[in-house]
């Protein structure tokens, strides 16, 4: 058992090194990466497509990389937005890793990209432990999945900088208890902002883009209590000192300011 634990720690430590290198490379060129985590069928592809369309309308250079075990269905859907899209097939691997992401970005990511949305493999277990060099980690859950999702997957929701609820238009039909869900989120990630969306009706569409643009413009992100390092060790997304958001607080707004010319991106993190 000790050898297994040691191996797991070594793998995570190696991933953290690759994530730091990738984050530095992305930051140097003025690109913010957004890591999207959810269960299969949560509706994150539909929401991401709507956000990419809006980014195009606002003149914000955005791209998307989507990962699945098989099929290119998600990439085909996202490509309808007009944004650059790449599909990664993981051949059975249940999550992306930083070095893998860097290899797929190398030679593909357009130079002017300011927002890179990474749609992780549909899974709330394995991806939760792997930092991908993102500046914003988002955990998504649909109203059809139940109010106890944050308690069942505390790492995924506990390390998130933002929580997005999808399919909000179905809340009444499935008896979704919003108050209970928010209380459960507060238990695993005190102070994290929760936004409600529906790609079908348009409710909340643009809020994810707004939050990503705020980080792009230098805004601080929520600091999850679970992500605070202990004794110098840390696994998970970066923890930028900042402030928590109330669930019903004011919204950030995207600015779409032009940024300086992108630096060359050394993405060989393998």
C-alpha atoms as a PDB file:
ATOM      1  CA  UNK A   1       0.000   0.000   0.000  1.00  0.00           C
ATOM      2  CA  UNK A   2       2.823   2.414   0.820  1.00  0.00           C
ATOM      3  CA  UNK A   3       4.418   1.808  -2.584  1.00  0.00           C
ATOM      4  CA  UNK A   4       1.097   2.536  -4.318  1.00  0.00           C
ATOM      5  CA  UNK A   5       0.670   5.767  -2.359  1.00  0.00           C
ATOM      6  CA  UNK A   6       4.267   6.780  -3.086  1.00  0.00           C
ATOM      7  CA  UNK A   7       3.709   6.160  -6.793  1.00  0.00           C
ATOM      8  CA  UNK A   8       0.526   8.226  -6.795  1.00  0.00           C
ATOM      9  CA  UNK A   9       2.316  11.088  -5.063  1.00  0.00           C
ATOM     10  CA  UNK A  10       5.157  10.906  -7.571  1.00  0.00           C
ATOM     11  CA  UNK A  11       2.723  11.051 -10.493  1.00  0.00           C
ATOM     12  CA  UNK A  12       0.917  14.053  -8.996  1.00  0.00           C
ATOM     13  CA  UNK A  13       4.201  15.801  -8.223  1.00  0.00           C
ATOM     14  CA  UNK A  14       5.381  15.305 -11.806  1.00  0.00           C
ATOM     15  CA  UNK A  15       2.083  16.653 -13.051  1.00  0.00           C
ATOM     16  CA  UNK A  16       2.395  19.724 -10.829  1.00  0.00           C
ATOM     17  CA  UNK A  17       5.803  20.478 -12.323  1.00  0.00           C
ATOM     18  CA  UNK A  18       4.375  20.224 -15.848  1.00  0.00           C
ATOM     19  CA  UNK A  19       1.388  22.362 -14.829  1.00  0.00           C
ATOM     20  CA  UNK A  20       3.634  25.115 -13.483  1.00  0.00           C
ATOM     21  CA  UNK A  21       5.609  25.161 -16.740  1.00  0.00           C
ATOM     22  CA  UNK A  22       2.464  25.268 -18.840  1.00  0.00           C
ATOM     23  CA  UNK A  23       0.869  27.995 -16.717  1.00  0.00           C
ATOM     24  CA  UNK A  24       4.000  30.111 -17.018  1.00  0.00           C
ATOM     25  CA  UNK A  25       4.039  29.648 -20.789  1.00  0.00           C
ATOM     26  CA  UNK A  26       0.366  30.560 -21.127  1.00  0.00           C
ATOM     27  CA  UNK A  27       0.755  33.574 -18.843  1.00  0.00           C
ATOM     28  CA  UNK A  28       3.736  34.804 -20.870  1.00  0.00           C
ATOM     29  CA  UNK A  29       1.584  34.950 -23.978  1.00  0.00           C
ATOM     30  CA  UNK A  30      -1.444  36.443 -22.231  1.00  0.00           C
ATOM     31  CA  UNK A  31      -3.672  33.367 -22.304  1.00  0.00           C
ATOM     32  CA  UNK A  32      -5.943  32.241 -19.477  1.00  0.00           C
ATOM     33  CA  UNK A  33      -6.850  28.552 -19.316  1.00  0.00           C
ATOM     34  CA  UNK A  34     -10.219  27.513 -17.883  1.00  0.00           C
ATOM     35  CA  UNK A  35     -10.550  23.895 -16.738  1.00  0.00           C
ATOM     36  CA  UNK A  36     -14.144  22.597 -16.891  1.00  0.00           C
ATOM     37  CA  UNK A  37     -14.981  19.534 -14.773  1.00  0.00           C
ATOM     38  CA  UNK A  38     -18.321  17.723 -14.626  1.00  0.00           C
ATOM     39  CA  UNK A  39     -20.075  14.397 -14.856  1.00  0.00           C
ATOM     40  CA  UNK A  40     -21.029  13.011 -18.274  1.00  0.00           C
ATOM     41  CA  UNK A  41     -24.263  14.540 -19.523  1.00  0.00           C
ATOM     42  CA  UNK A  42     -24.101  17.635 -17.340  1.00  0.00           C
ATOM     43  CA  UNK A  43     -24.634  19.938 -20.293  1.00  0.00           C
ATOM     44  CA  UNK A  44     -21.193  21.538 -20.234  1.00  0.00           C
ATOM     45  CA  UNK A  45     -20.688  21.135 -23.995  1.00  0.00           C
ATOM     46  CA  UNK A  46     -23.938  22.951 -24.776  1.00  0.00           C
ATOM     47  CA  UNK A  47     -23.048  25.738 -22.359  1.00  0.00           C
ATOM     48  CA  UNK A  48     -19.489  25.994 -23.675  1.00  0.00           C
ATOM     49  CA  UNK A  49     -20.764  26.266 -27.243  1.00  0.00           C
ATOM     50  CA  UNK A  50     -22.991  29.183 -26.222  1.00  0.00           C
ATOM     51  CA  UNK A  51     -20.110  30.862 -24.379  1.00  0.00           C
ATOM     52  CA  UNK A  52     -17.812  30.484 -27.405  1.00  0.00           C
ATOM     53  CA  UNK A  53     -20.447  32.020 -29.681  1.00  0.00           C
ATOM     54  CA  UNK A  54     -20.731  34.958 -27.292  1.00  0.00           C
ATOM     55  CA  UNK A  55     -16.936  35.325 -27.124  1.00  0.00           C
ATOM     56  CA  UNK A  56     -16.887  35.603 -30.914  1.00  0.00           C
ATOM     57  CA  UNK A  57     -19.609  38.222 -30.853  1.00  0.00           C
ATOM     58  CA  UNK A  58     -17.642  40.216 -28.284  1.00  0.00           C
ATOM     59  CA  UNK A  59     -14.413  39.946 -30.250  1.00  0.00           C
ATOM     60  CA  UNK A  60     -12.632  37.912 -27.574  1.00  0.00           C
ATOM     61  CA  UNK A  61     -10.197  35.394 -29.135  1.00  0.00           C
ATOM     62  CA  UNK A  62     -11.145  32.082 -27.516  1.00  0.00           C
ATOM     63  CA  UNK A  63     -10.374  28.451 -28.291  1.00  0.00           C
ATOM     64  CA  UNK A  64     -11.506  25.126 -26.888  1.00  0.00           C
ATOM     65  CA  UNK A  65      -9.857  21.763 -26.360  1.00  0.00           C
ATOM     66  CA  UNK A  66     -12.232  18.945 -25.478  1.00  0.00           C
ATOM     67  CA  UNK A  67     -11.267  15.515 -24.158  1.00  0.00           C
ATOM     68  CA  UNK A  68     -13.209  12.268 -24.385  1.00  0.00           C
ATOM     69  CA  UNK A  69     -12.474   8.570 -24.246  1.00  0.00           C
ATOM     70  CA  UNK A  70     -13.958   8.155 -27.730  1.00  0.00           C
ATOM     71  CA  UNK A  71     -15.771  10.000 -30.580  1.00  0.00           C
ATOM     72  CA  UNK A  72     -15.309  13.556 -31.820  1.00  0.00           C
ATOM     73  CA  UNK A  73     -18.933  14.522 -31.166  1.00  0.00           C
ATOM     74  CA  UNK A  74     -18.149  17.321 -28.715  1.00  0.00           C
ATOM     75  CA  UNK A  75     -15.551  18.918 -30.991  1.00  0.00           C
ATOM     76  CA  UNK A  76     -17.995  18.907 -33.896  1.00  0.00           C
ATOM     77  CA  UNK A  77     -20.604  20.638 -31.745  1.00  0.00           C
ATOM     78  CA  UNK A  78     -18.181  23.228 -30.380  1.00  0.00           C
ATOM     79  CA  UNK A  79     -16.806  23.974 -33.856  1.00  0.00           C
ATOM     80  CA  UNK A  80     -20.224  25.347 -34.808  1.00  0.00           C
ATOM     81  CA  UNK A  81     -19.322  28.378 -32.679  1.00  0.00           C
ATOM     82  CA  UNK A  82     -16.611  29.366 -35.157  1.00  0.00           C
ATOM     83  CA  UNK A  83     -13.891  29.165 -32.492  1.00  0.00           C
ATOM     84  CA  UNK A  84     -10.749  27.034 -32.991  1.00  0.00           C
ATOM     85  CA  UNK A  85     -11.485  23.611 -31.494  1.00  0.00           C
ATOM     86  CA  UNK A  86      -9.396  20.492 -30.967  1.00  0.00           C
ATOM     87  CA  UNK A  87     -10.569  17.040 -29.904  1.00  0.00           C
ATOM     88  CA  UNK A  88      -8.319  14.884 -27.719  1.00  0.00           C
ATOM     89  CA  UNK A  89      -9.081  11.174 -27.447  1.00  0.00           C
ATOM     90  CA  UNK A  90      -7.573   9.781 -24.258  1.00  0.00           C
ATOM     91  CA  UNK A  91      -7.727   6.104 -25.256  1.00  0.00           C
ATOM     92  CA  UNK A  92      -9.348   5.085 -21.993  1.00  0.00           C
ATOM     93  CA  UNK A  93      -7.553   7.493 -19.652  1.00  0.00           C
ATOM     94  CA  UNK A  94     -10.161   9.048 -17.352  1.00  0.00           C
ATOM     95  CA  UNK A  95      -8.545  12.496 -17.140  1.00  0.00           C
ATOM     96  CA  UNK A  96      -6.229  14.956 -18.810  1.00  0.00           C
ATOM     97  CA  UNK A  97      -2.751  15.641 -17.441  1.00  0.00           C
ATOM     98  CA  UNK A  98      -0.714  18.809 -17.829  1.00  0.00           C
ATOM     99  CA  UNK A  99       2.015  17.302 -20.021  1.00  0.00           C
ATOM    100  CA  UNK A 100      -0.613  15.717 -22.270  1.00  0.00           C
ATOM    101  CA  UNK A 101      -2.413  19.043 -22.615  1.00  0.00           C
ATOM    102  CA  UNK A 102       0.836  20.853 -23.406  1.00  0.00           C
ATOM    103  CA  UNK A 103       1.643  18.400 -26.180  1.00  0.00           C
ATOM    104  CA  UNK A 104      -1.754  18.909 -27.801  1.00  0.00           C
ATOM    105  CA  UNK A 105      -1.521  22.691 -27.557  1.00  0.00           C
ATOM    106  CA  UNK A 106       1.942  22.801 -29.100  1.00  0.00           C
ATOM    107  CA  UNK A 107       1.641  23.865 -32.714  1.00  0.00           C
ATOM    108  CA  UNK A 108      -2.158  24.143 -32.567  1.00  0.00           C
ATOM    109  CA  UNK A 109      -3.177  26.939 -30.193  1.00  0.00           C
ATOM    110  CA  UNK A 110      -3.606  30.148 -32.252  1.00  0.00           C
ATOM    111  CA  UNK A 111      -1.190  32.927 -31.287  1.00  0.00           C
ATOM    112  CA  UNK A 112      -3.936  35.440 -30.506  1.00  0.00           C
ATOM    113  CA  UNK A 113      -5.864  33.152 -28.117  1.00  0.00           C
ATOM    114  CA  UNK A 114      -6.764  34.932 -24.903  1.00  0.00           C
ATOM    115  CA  UNK A 115      -9.136  32.358 -23.382  1.00  0.00           C
ATOM    116  CA  UNK A 116      -8.539  28.623 -23.633  1.00  0.00           C
ATOM    117  CA  UNK A 117     -11.453  26.499 -22.440  1.00  0.00           C
ATOM    118  CA  UNK A 118     -10.465  22.921 -21.605  1.00  0.00           C
ATOM    119  CA  UNK A 119     -13.429  20.561 -21.458  1.00  0.00           C
ATOM    120  CA  UNK A 120     -12.044  17.749 -19.321  1.00  0.00           C
ATOM    121  CA  UNK A 121     -13.138  14.132 -19.558  1.00  0.00           C
ATOM    122  CA  UNK A 122     -16.649  13.688 -18.125  1.00  0.00           C
ATOM    123  CA  UNK A 123     -15.696  12.444 -14.670  1.00  0.00           C
ATOM    124  CA  UNK A 124     -15.699  14.063 -11.233  1.00  0.00           C
ATOM    125  CA  UNK A 125     -13.140  11.723  -9.649  1.00  0.00           C
ATOM    126  CA  UNK A 126      -9.870  11.411 -11.590  1.00  0.00           C
ATOM    127  CA  UNK A 127      -9.658  14.935 -13.114  1.00  0.00           C
ATOM    128  CA  UNK A 128     -10.131  16.606  -9.735  1.00  0.00           C
ATOM    129  CA  UNK A 129      -6.575  15.836  -8.602  1.00  0.00           C
ATOM    130  CA  UNK A 130      -4.781  17.075 -11.720  1.00  0.00           C
ATOM    131  CA  UNK A 131      -3.765  20.699 -12.197  1.00  0.00           C
ATOM    132  CA  UNK A 132      -3.704  21.457 -15.928  1.00  0.00           C
ATOM    133  CA  UNK A 133      -1.993  24.811 -15.667  1.00  0.00           C
ATOM    134  CA  UNK A 134      -5.365  26.533 -15.506  1.00  0.00           C
ATOM    135  CA  UNK A 135      -6.005  29.916 -13.938  1.00  0.00           C
ATOM    136  CA  UNK A 136      -9.707  29.211 -13.404  1.00  0.00           C
ATOM    137  CA  UNK A 137     -11.156  25.854 -12.394  1.00  0.00           C
ATOM    138  CA  UNK A 138     -14.891  25.413 -12.826  1.00  0.00           C
ATOM    139  CA  UNK A 139     -16.999  22.559 -11.477  1.00  0.00           C
ATOM    140  CA  UNK A 140     -20.356  22.084 -13.193  1.00  0.00           C
ATOM    141  CA  UNK A 141     -23.443  20.169 -12.092  1.00  0.00           C
ATOM    142  CA  UNK A 142     -26.873  19.961 -13.672  1.00  0.00           C
ATOM    143  CA  UNK A 143     -30.076  20.269 -11.662  1.00  0.00           C
ATOM    144  CA  UNK A 144     -30.935  16.720 -12.787  1.00  0.00           C
ATOM    145  CA  UNK A 145     -27.991  15.272 -10.844  1.00  0.00           C
ATOM    146  CA  UNK A 146     -29.311  16.018  -7.363  1.00  0.00           C
ATOM    147  CA  UNK A 147     -28.472  18.413  -4.563  1.00  0.00           C
ATOM    148  CA  UNK A 148     -25.953  16.093  -2.883  1.00  0.00           C
ATOM    149  CA  UNK A 149     -23.476  16.093  -5.792  1.00  0.00           C
ATOM    150  CA  UNK A 150     -20.982  18.372  -3.943  1.00  0.00           C
ATOM    151  CA  UNK A 151     -20.987  16.034  -0.943  1.00  0.00           C
ATOM    152  CA  UNK A 152     -20.426  12.952  -3.097  1.00  0.00           C
ATOM    153  CA  UNK A 153     -17.534  14.580  -4.965  1.00  0.00           C
ATOM    154  CA  UNK A 154     -15.975  16.956  -2.419  1.00  0.00           C
ATOM    155  CA  UNK A 155     -12.591  17.228  -4.148  1.00  0.00           C
ATOM    156  CA  UNK A 156     -14.037  18.293  -7.495  1.00  0.00           C
ATOM    157  CA  UNK A 157     -16.315  20.900  -5.947  1.00  0.00           C
ATOM    158  CA  UNK A 158     -14.031  21.728  -3.025  1.00  0.00           C
ATOM    159  CA  UNK A 159     -11.145  22.839  -5.268  1.00  0.00           C
ATOM    160  CA  UNK A 160     -13.272  24.855  -7.698  1.00  0.00           C
ATOM    161  CA  UNK A 161     -12.832  28.592  -8.158  1.00  0.00           C
ATOM    162  CA  UNK A 162     -16.365  28.783  -9.545  1.00  0.00           C
ATOM    163  CA  UNK A 163     -19.386  26.466  -9.534  1.00  0.00           C
ATOM    164  CA  UNK A 164     -21.830  26.479 -12.442  1.00  0.00           C
ATOM    165  CA  UNK A 165     -25.268  24.889 -12.264  1.00  0.00           C
ATOM    166  CA  UNK A 166     -26.597  23.846 -15.678  1.00  0.00           C
ATOM    167  CA  UNK A 167     -30.042  23.000 -17.068  1.00  0.00           C
ATOM    168  CA  UNK A 168     -31.645  25.467 -14.660  1.00  0.00           C
ATOM    169  CA  UNK A 169     -34.784  25.486 -16.808  1.00  0.00           C
ATOM    170  CA  UNK A 170     -35.476  21.928 -15.582  1.00  0.00           C
ATOM    171  CA  UNK A 171     -35.202  22.745 -11.875  1.00  0.00           C
ATOM    172  CA  UNK A 172     -38.935  22.787 -11.169  1.00  0.00           C
ATOM    173  CA  UNK A 173     -39.612  19.705 -13.273  1.00  0.00           C
ATOM    174  CA  UNK A 174     -37.082  17.582 -11.374  1.00  0.00           C
ATOM    175  CA  UNK A 175     -37.776  19.104  -7.954  1.00  0.00           C
ATOM    176  CA  UNK A 176     -34.314  20.617  -7.578  1.00  0.00           C
ATOM    177  CA  UNK A 177     -33.807  22.079  -4.099  1.00  0.00           C
ATOM    178  CA  UNK A 178     -31.615  25.134  -4.701  1.00  0.00           C
ATOM    179  CA  UNK A 179     -31.274  26.000  -1.011  1.00  0.00           C
ATOM    180  CA  UNK A 180     -30.031  22.495  -0.187  1.00  0.00           C
ATOM    181  CA  UNK A 181     -27.559  22.513  -3.073  1.00  0.00           C
ATOM    182  CA  UNK A 182     -26.098  25.858  -2.008  1.00  0.00           C
ATOM    183  CA  UNK A 183     -25.790  24.646   1.587  1.00  0.00           C
ATOM    184  CA  UNK A 184     -23.900  21.556   0.403  1.00  0.00           C
ATOM    185  CA  UNK A 185     -21.570  23.677  -1.735  1.00  0.00           C
ATOM    186  CA  UNK A 186     -20.894  25.902   1.266  1.00  0.00           C
ATOM    187  CA  UNK A 187     -19.903  22.836   3.312  1.00  0.00           C
ATOM    188  CA  UNK A 188     -17.173  21.741   0.885  1.00  0.00           C
ATOM    189  CA  UNK A 189     -16.106  25.134  -0.517  1.00  0.00           C
ATOM    190  CA  UNK A 190     -17.101  28.078   1.702  1.00  0.00           C
ATOM    191  CA  UNK A 191     -17.581  31.344  -0.159  1.00  0.00           C
ATOM    192  CA  UNK A 192     -17.304  30.013  -3.713  1.00  0.00           C
ATOM    193  CA  UNK A 193     -19.579  31.721  -6.225  1.00  0.00           C
ATOM    194  CA  UNK A 194     -22.390  29.670  -7.734  1.00  0.00           C
ATOM    195  CA  UNK A 195     -24.055  30.719 -10.994  1.00  0.00           C
ATOM    196  CA  UNK A 196     -27.156  29.213 -12.563  1.00  0.00           C
ATOM    197  CA  UNK A 197     -27.361  28.693 -16.308  1.00  0.00           C
ATOM    198  CA  UNK A 198     -29.471  27.185 -19.065  1.00  0.00           C
ATOM    199  CA  UNK A 199     -28.019  26.822 -22.534  1.00  0.00           C
ATOM    200  CA  UNK A 200     -31.537  26.080 -23.759  1.00  0.00           C
ATOM    201  CA  UNK A 201     -33.182  29.319 -22.561  1.00  0.00           C
ATOM    202  CA  UNK A 202     -30.071  31.497 -22.403  1.00  0.00           C
ATOM    203  CA  UNK A 203     -30.345  32.058 -18.654  1.00  0.00           C
ATOM    204  CA  UNK A 204     -26.927  32.877 -17.229  1.00  0.00           C
ATOM    205  CA  UNK A 205     -25.129  32.445 -20.550  1.00  0.00           C
ATOM    206  CA  UNK A 206     -22.168  34.811 -20.547  1.00  0.00           C
ATOM    207  CA  UNK A 207     -21.437  34.581 -16.832  1.00  0.00           C
ATOM    208  CA  UNK A 208     -18.721  31.977 -17.347  1.00  0.00           C
ATOM    209  CA  UNK A 209     -17.202  34.173 -20.045  1.00  0.00           C
ATOM    210  CA  UNK A 210     -17.422  37.194 -17.737  1.00  0.00           C
ATOM    211  CA  UNK A 211     -15.581  35.372 -14.944  1.00  0.00           C
ATOM    212  CA  UNK A 212     -12.871  34.154 -17.311  1.00  0.00           C
ATOM    213  CA  UNK A 213     -12.405  37.661 -18.726  1.00  0.00           C
ATOM    214  CA  UNK A 214     -12.126  39.061 -15.212  1.00  0.00           C
ATOM    215  CA  UNK A 215      -9.198  36.694 -14.559  1.00  0.00           C
ATOM    216  CA  UNK A 216      -7.725  37.676 -17.935  1.00  0.00           C
ATOM    217  CA  UNK A 217      -7.866  41.305 -16.825  1.00  0.00           C
ATOM    218  CA  UNK A 218      -5.971  40.513 -13.627  1.00  0.00           C
ATOM    219  CA  UNK A 219      -8.820  39.847 -11.229  1.00  0.00           C
ATOM    220  CA  UNK A 220      -8.289  37.558  -8.250  1.00  0.00           C
ATOM    221  CA  UNK A 221      -9.984  34.172  -8.023  1.00  0.00           C
ATOM    222  CA  UNK A 222     -11.719  32.554  -5.078  1.00  0.00           C
ATOM    223  CA  UNK A 223      -9.351  30.727  -2.723  1.00  0.00           C
ATOM    224  CA  UNK A 224     -10.784  27.301  -1.796  1.00  0.00           C
ATOM    225  CA  UNK A 225     -10.078  26.256   1.773  1.00  0.00           C
ATOM    226  CA  UNK A 226      -9.375  22.706   0.577  1.00  0.00           C
ATOM    227  CA  UNK A 227      -6.690  24.006  -1.766  1.00  0.00           C
ATOM    228  CA  UNK A 228      -4.607  25.764   0.886  1.00  0.00           C
ATOM    229  CA  UNK A 229      -1.227  23.949   0.995  1.00  0.00           C
ATOM    230  CA  UNK A 230      -0.264  22.075   4.143  1.00  0.00           C
ATOM    231  CA  UNK A 231       3.376  21.543   5.097  1.00  0.00           C
ATOM    232  CA  UNK A 232       4.497  22.744   1.691  1.00  0.00           C
ATOM    233  CA  UNK A 233       2.522  20.173  -0.298  1.00  0.00           C
ATOM    234  CA  UNK A 234      -0.287  20.869  -2.699  1.00  0.00           C
ATOM    235  CA  UNK A 235      -2.224  18.942  -5.285  1.00  0.00           C
ATOM    236  CA  UNK A 236      -4.866  20.575  -7.434  1.00  0.00           C
ATOM    237  CA  UNK A 237      -5.377  23.938  -9.114  1.00  0.00           C
ATOM    238  CA  UNK A 238      -3.360  27.066  -8.341  1.00  0.00           C
ATOM    239  CA  UNK A 239      -4.516  29.136  -5.387  1.00  0.00           C
ATOM    240  CA  UNK A 240      -4.382  32.812  -6.205  1.00  0.00           C
ATOM    241  CA  UNK A 241      -4.925  34.987  -3.175  1.00  0.00           C
ATOM    242  CA  UNK A 242      -8.254  36.685  -3.566  1.00  0.00           C
ATOM    243  CA  UNK A 243     -11.722  36.922  -2.185  1.00  0.00           C
ATOM    244  CA  UNK A 244     -14.697  34.625  -2.029  1.00  0.00           C
ATOM    245  CA  UNK A 245     -17.975  35.548  -3.681  1.00  0.00           C
ATOM    246  CA  UNK A 246     -21.396  35.388  -2.109  1.00  0.00           C
ATOM    247  CA  UNK A 247     -23.958  33.283  -3.939  1.00  0.00           C
ATOM    248  CA  UNK A 248     -26.118  36.319  -4.624  1.00  0.00           C
ATOM    249  CA  UNK A 249     -23.390  38.909  -5.000  1.00  0.00           C
ATOM    250  CA  UNK A 250     -22.866  41.255  -7.931  1.00  0.00           C
ATOM    251  CA  UNK A 251     -21.583  39.969 -11.240  1.00  0.00           C
ATOM    252  CA  UNK A 252     -18.230  40.637 -12.810  1.00  0.00           C
ATOM    253  CA  UNK A 253     -18.254  42.035 -16.330  1.00  0.00           C
ATOM    254  CA  UNK A 254     -16.068  41.109 -19.261  1.00  0.00           C
ATOM    255  CA  UNK A 255     -14.067  43.957 -20.765  1.00  0.00           C
ATOM    256  CA  UNK A 256     -12.519  42.433 -23.844  1.00  0.00           C
ATOM    257  CA  UNK A 257      -9.528  44.787 -23.663  1.00  0.00           C
ATOM    258  CA  UNK A 258      -6.776  44.192 -26.156  1.00  0.00           C
ATOM    259  CA  UNK A 259      -3.646  42.751 -24.620  1.00  0.00           C
ATOM    260  CA  UNK A 260      -0.059  42.992 -25.746  1.00  0.00           C
ATOM    261  CA  UNK A 261       1.390  40.879 -28.502  1.00  0.00           C
ATOM    262  CA  UNK A 262       1.522  37.221 -27.476  1.00  0.00           C
ATOM    263  CA  UNK A 263       4.817  35.762 -26.408  1.00  0.00           C
ATOM    264  CA  UNK A 264       6.033  32.609 -28.109  1.00  0.00           C
ATOM    265  CA  UNK A 265       4.671  29.591 -26.303  1.00  0.00           C
ATOM    266  CA  UNK A 266       7.183  26.881 -25.355  1.00  0.00           C
ATOM    267  CA  UNK A 267       4.742  24.025 -24.810  1.00  0.00           C
ATOM    268  CA  UNK A 268       7.029  21.025 -24.734  1.00  0.00           C
ATOM    269  CA  UNK A 269       6.203  19.979 -21.184  1.00  0.00           C
ATOM    270  CA  UNK A 270       6.453  16.267 -21.779  1.00  0.00           C
END
